[in-house]
Amino acid sequence: MGEPNALVRLGQRDEKNAIAESDREKRDVLLLRAFGFYAAAAERSYDEGWPDDAWQSWRYRRSTLARLLAREGLMQQVADSYVRVQDKWR
């Protein structure tokens, strides 16, 4: 479950489901979860010593979702999610 590629697949699933979601609150929840999965995948990859180019796109996706969620007024939730990921994976 904690394998970086598996975490990314979960993030991609939630992101895809968010795109199809018409309810704003549900969409934001899915995007926030996707952000958490991408963040966890990047943290695990870093901790395991993967080369940067193997997980660079996940960092970019994490950043893109953070900006999108911040525009929705969810910056605190993004920050809280990131702290939880760091606490769990480090």
N, C-alpha and C. Protein backbone atom coordinates (compact mmCIF):
# COMPACT_ATOMS: atom_id res chain seq x y z
N MET A 1 0.82 -1.20 0.00
CA MET A 1 0.00 0.00 0.00
C MET A 1 0.86 1.26 0.00
N GLY A 2 1.98 1.25 0.66
CA GLY A 2 2.81 2.45 0.74
C GLY A 2 3.79 2.59 -0.41
N GLU A 3 3.70 1.73 -1.39
CA GLU A 3 4.61 1.80 -2.53
C GLU A 3 4.25 3.04 -3.35
N PRO A 4 5.25 3.86 -3.71
CA PRO A 4 4.97 5.13 -4.39
C PRO A 4 4.11 5.03 -5.64
N ASN A 5 4.35 4.04 -6.49
CA ASN A 5 3.53 3.93 -7.69
C ASN A 5 2.07 3.61 -7.36
N ALA A 6 1.85 2.83 -6.33
CA ALA A 6 0.48 2.51 -5.90
C ALA A 6 -0.21 3.76 -5.36
N LEU A 7 0.53 4.56 -4.60
CA LEU A 7 -0.03 5.81 -4.07
C LEU A 7 -0.42 6.75 -5.21
N VAL A 8 0.42 6.83 -6.23
CA VAL A 8 0.12 7.69 -7.38
C VAL A 8 -1.14 7.20 -8.09
N ARG A 9 -1.27 5.91 -8.24
CA ARG A 9 -2.48 5.39 -8.91
C ARG A 9 -3.74 5.76 -8.14
N LEU A 10 -3.67 5.73 -6.81
CA LEU A 10 -4.82 6.16 -6.01
C LEU A 10 -5.09 7.64 -6.21
N GLY A 11 -4.04 8.44 -6.28
CA GLY A 11 -4.20 9.87 -6.53
C GLY A 11 -4.81 10.13 -7.90
N GLN A 12 -4.35 9.40 -8.90
CA GLN A 12 -4.90 9.56 -10.25
C GLN A 12 -6.38 9.18 -10.29
N ARG A 13 -6.73 8.13 -9.57
CA ARG A 13 -8.13 7.71 -9.51
C ARG A 13 -9.01 8.80 -8.92
N ASP A 14 -8.57 9.36 -7.78
CA ASP A 14 -9.35 10.42 -7.14
C ASP A 14 -9.41 11.67 -8.01
N GLU A 15 -8.32 12.00 -8.65
CA GLU A 15 -8.29 13.17 -9.53
C GLU A 15 -9.25 12.98 -10.70
N LYS A 16 -9.25 11.81 -11.29
CA LYS A 16 -10.15 11.51 -12.41
C LYS A 16 -11.60 11.60 -11.95
N ASN A 17 -11.90 11.04 -10.79
CA ASN A 17 -13.26 11.10 -10.25
C ASN A 17 -13.68 12.54 -9.94
N ALA A 18 -12.73 13.35 -9.50
CA ALA A 18 -13.03 14.76 -9.20
C ALA A 18 -13.42 15.52 -10.46
N ILE A 19 -12.77 15.21 -11.56
CA ILE A 19 -13.08 15.89 -12.82
C ILE A 19 -14.53 15.62 -13.24
N ALA A 20 -14.99 14.42 -12.96
CA ALA A 20 -16.35 14.03 -13.35
C ALA A 20 -17.41 14.48 -12.33
N GLU A 21 -16.98 14.97 -11.19
CA GLU A 21 -17.91 15.33 -10.11
C GLU A 21 -18.48 16.73 -10.32
N SER A 22 -19.79 16.86 -10.25
CA SER A 22 -20.43 18.16 -10.43
C SER A 22 -20.61 18.91 -9.11
N ASP A 23 -20.65 18.18 -8.01
CA ASP A 23 -20.80 18.80 -6.70
C ASP A 23 -19.44 19.34 -6.25
N ARG A 24 -19.37 20.63 -5.99
CA ARG A 24 -18.11 21.30 -5.66
C ARG A 24 -17.45 20.73 -4.41
N GLU A 25 -18.24 20.49 -3.36
CA GLU A 25 -17.66 19.97 -2.12
C GLU A 25 -17.07 18.58 -2.32
N LYS A 26 -17.79 17.72 -3.02
CA LYS A 26 -17.28 16.37 -3.28
C LYS A 26 -16.03 16.43 -4.15
N ARG A 27 -16.05 17.33 -5.13
CA ARG A 27 -14.88 17.49 -6.00
C ARG A 27 -13.66 17.92 -5.19
N ASP A 28 -13.86 18.88 -4.30
CA ASP A 28 -12.75 19.37 -3.49
C ASP A 28 -12.20 18.29 -2.57
N VAL A 29 -13.08 17.46 -2.01
CA VAL A 29 -12.64 16.36 -1.15
C VAL A 29 -11.78 15.39 -1.95
N LEU A 30 -12.24 15.05 -3.15
CA LEU A 30 -11.47 14.14 -4.00
C LEU A 30 -10.12 14.74 -4.40
N LEU A 31 -10.11 16.02 -4.73
CA LEU A 31 -8.84 16.66 -5.10
C LEU A 31 -7.89 16.74 -3.91
N LEU A 32 -8.43 16.98 -2.74
CA LEU A 32 -7.59 17.02 -1.54
C LEU A 32 -7.00 15.64 -1.24
N ARG A 33 -7.80 14.60 -1.42
CA ARG A 33 -7.26 13.24 -1.24
C ARG A 33 -6.20 12.93 -2.29
N ALA A 34 -6.45 13.34 -3.53
CA ALA A 34 -5.46 13.13 -4.59
C ALA A 34 -4.17 13.84 -4.24
N PHE A 35 -4.28 15.08 -3.77
CA PHE A 35 -3.10 15.82 -3.32
C PHE A 35 -2.33 15.02 -2.28
N GLY A 36 -3.03 14.46 -1.31
CA GLY A 36 -2.39 13.68 -0.25
C GLY A 36 -1.67 12.45 -0.79
N PHE A 37 -2.28 11.78 -1.76
CA PHE A 37 -1.63 10.61 -2.35
C PHE A 37 -0.37 10.99 -3.13
N TYR A 38 -0.45 12.07 -3.91
CA TYR A 38 0.74 12.51 -4.64
C TYR A 38 1.85 12.95 -3.67
N ALA A 39 1.45 13.65 -2.62
CA ALA A 39 2.44 14.09 -1.62
C ALA A 39 3.08 12.88 -0.94
N ALA A 40 2.28 11.89 -0.59
CA ALA A 40 2.81 10.68 0.06
C ALA A 40 3.76 9.94 -0.89
N ALA A 41 3.38 9.84 -2.15
CA ALA A 41 4.24 9.15 -3.13
C ALA A 41 5.58 9.86 -3.26
N ALA A 42 5.55 11.18 -3.31
CA ALA A 42 6.80 11.95 -3.42
C ALA A 42 7.65 11.78 -2.17
N GLU A 43 7.03 11.82 -1.00
CA GLU A 43 7.78 11.65 0.26
C GLU A 43 8.42 10.27 0.33
N ARG A 44 7.64 9.24 0.00
CA ARG A 44 8.18 7.88 0.04
C ARG A 44 9.34 7.72 -0.94
N SER A 45 9.16 8.25 -2.14
CA SER A 45 10.22 8.15 -3.16
C SER A 45 11.49 8.83 -2.69
N TYR A 46 11.34 10.00 -2.10
CA TYR A 46 12.49 10.72 -1.57
C TYR A 46 13.17 9.91 -0.46
N ASP A 47 12.35 9.42 0.47
CA ASP A 47 12.89 8.65 1.59
C ASP A 47 13.60 7.38 1.13
N GLU A 48 13.10 6.78 0.05
CA GLU A 48 13.70 5.54 -0.45
C GLU A 48 14.87 5.79 -1.39
N GLY A 49 15.20 7.06 -1.62
CA GLY A 49 16.36 7.39 -2.43
C GLY A 49 16.17 7.24 -3.93
N TRP A 50 14.93 7.33 -4.37
CA TRP A 50 14.68 7.26 -5.81
C TRP A 50 15.32 8.46 -6.49
N PRO A 51 15.76 8.31 -7.74
CA PRO A 51 16.29 9.47 -8.46
C PRO A 51 15.18 10.51 -8.67
N ASP A 52 15.54 11.78 -8.62
CA ASP A 52 14.55 12.86 -8.72
C ASP A 52 13.67 12.75 -9.96
N ASP A 53 14.24 12.38 -11.08
CA ASP A 53 13.44 12.34 -12.30
C ASP A 53 12.37 11.24 -12.27
N ALA A 54 12.49 10.28 -11.36
CA ALA A 54 11.50 9.21 -11.26
C ALA A 54 10.21 9.71 -10.62
N TRP A 55 10.29 10.76 -9.81
CA TRP A 55 9.10 11.24 -9.10
C TRP A 55 8.86 12.73 -9.22
N GLN A 56 9.61 13.38 -10.09
CA GLN A 56 9.46 14.82 -10.28
C GLN A 56 8.05 15.20 -10.72
N SER A 57 7.45 14.45 -11.61
CA SER A 57 6.11 14.78 -12.10
C SER A 57 5.08 14.70 -10.97
N TRP A 58 5.31 13.86 -9.99
CA TRP A 58 4.38 13.77 -8.86
C TRP A 58 4.44 15.04 -8.01
N ARG A 59 5.64 15.57 -7.85
CA ARG A 59 5.78 16.85 -7.13
C ARG A 59 5.05 17.96 -7.87
N TYR A 60 5.19 18.00 -9.18
CA TYR A 60 4.51 19.01 -9.98
C TYR A 60 2.99 18.86 -9.87
N ARG A 61 2.51 17.63 -9.91
CA ARG A 61 1.07 17.40 -9.80
C ARG A 61 0.58 17.82 -8.43
N ARG A 62 1.34 17.49 -7.40
CA ARG A 62 1.01 17.89 -6.03
C ARG A 62 0.92 19.41 -5.94
N SER A 63 1.86 20.12 -6.53
CA SER A 63 1.86 21.58 -6.51
C SER A 63 0.68 22.16 -7.28
N THR A 64 0.37 21.57 -8.41
CA THR A 64 -0.76 22.04 -9.21
C THR A 64 -2.07 21.89 -8.44
N LEU A 65 -2.25 20.74 -7.80
CA LEU A 65 -3.46 20.54 -7.01
C LEU A 65 -3.51 21.48 -5.82
N ALA A 66 -2.37 21.74 -5.20
CA ALA A 66 -2.34 22.68 -4.07
C ALA A 66 -2.78 24.07 -4.52
N ARG A 67 -2.29 24.52 -5.67
CA ARG A 67 -2.70 25.84 -6.17
C ARG A 67 -4.19 25.87 -6.51
N LEU A 68 -4.68 24.82 -7.13
CA LEU A 68 -6.10 24.75 -7.49
C LEU A 68 -6.97 24.78 -6.23
N LEU A 69 -6.60 24.01 -5.24
CA LEU A 69 -7.36 23.98 -3.99
C LEU A 69 -7.25 25.30 -3.23
N ALA A 70 -6.11 25.95 -3.30
CA ALA A 70 -5.95 27.25 -2.64
C ALA A 70 -6.90 28.27 -3.26
N ARG A 71 -7.07 28.23 -4.58
CA ARG A 71 -8.01 29.13 -5.24
C ARG A 71 -9.45 28.88 -4.78
N GLU A 72 -9.72 27.68 -4.32
CA GLU A 72 -11.05 27.34 -3.80
C GLU A 72 -11.18 27.69 -2.32
N GLY A 73 -10.14 28.31 -1.75
CA GLY A 73 -10.17 28.70 -0.34
C GLY A 73 -9.79 27.59 0.61
N LEU A 74 -9.07 26.59 0.13
CA LEU A 74 -8.74 25.42 0.94
C LEU A 74 -7.26 25.31 1.28
N MET A 75 -6.57 26.44 1.35
CA MET A 75 -5.13 26.39 1.61
C MET A 75 -4.81 25.76 2.96
N GLN A 76 -5.61 26.06 3.98
CA GLN A 76 -5.35 25.47 5.30
C GLN A 76 -5.50 23.96 5.26
N GLN A 77 -6.51 23.46 4.54
CA GLN A 77 -6.71 22.02 4.43
C GLN A 77 -5.55 21.37 3.67
N VAL A 78 -5.04 22.06 2.66
CA VAL A 78 -3.88 21.55 1.92
C VAL A 78 -2.68 21.47 2.85
N ALA A 79 -2.45 22.53 3.62
CA ALA A 79 -1.31 22.55 4.55
C ALA A 79 -1.46 21.44 5.60
N ASP A 80 -2.65 21.28 6.12
CA ASP A 80 -2.89 20.22 7.12
C ASP A 80 -2.65 18.84 6.53
N SER A 81 -3.11 18.64 5.31
CA SER A 81 -2.90 17.37 4.63
C SER A 81 -1.42 17.09 4.43
N TYR A 82 -0.68 18.10 4.04
CA TYR A 82 0.76 17.93 3.81
C TYR A 82 1.49 17.58 5.11
N VAL A 83 1.10 18.24 6.19
CA VAL A 83 1.72 17.95 7.49
C VAL A 83 1.42 16.49 7.90
N ARG A 84 0.18 16.05 7.69
CA ARG A 84 -0.17 14.66 8.01
C ARG A 84 0.66 13.68 7.21
N VAL A 85 0.85 13.98 5.94
CA VAL A 85 1.68 13.10 5.08
C VAL A 85 3.10 13.05 5.61
N GLN A 86 3.67 14.20 5.92
CA GLN A 86 5.03 14.21 6.44
C GLN A 86 5.14 13.45 7.74
N ASP A 87 4.16 13.62 8.63
CA ASP A 87 4.18 12.91 9.90
C ASP A 87 4.09 11.40 9.71
N LYS A 88 3.29 10.97 8.74
CA LYS A 88 3.09 9.55 8.52
C LYS A 88 4.27 8.88 7.84
N TRP A 89 4.86 9.53 6.85
CA TRP A 89 5.86 8.89 6.01
C TRP A 89 7.30 9.21 6.39
N ARG A 90 7.51 10.07 7.32
CA ARG A 90 8.90 10.37 7.70
C ARG A 90 9.20 9.88 9.09
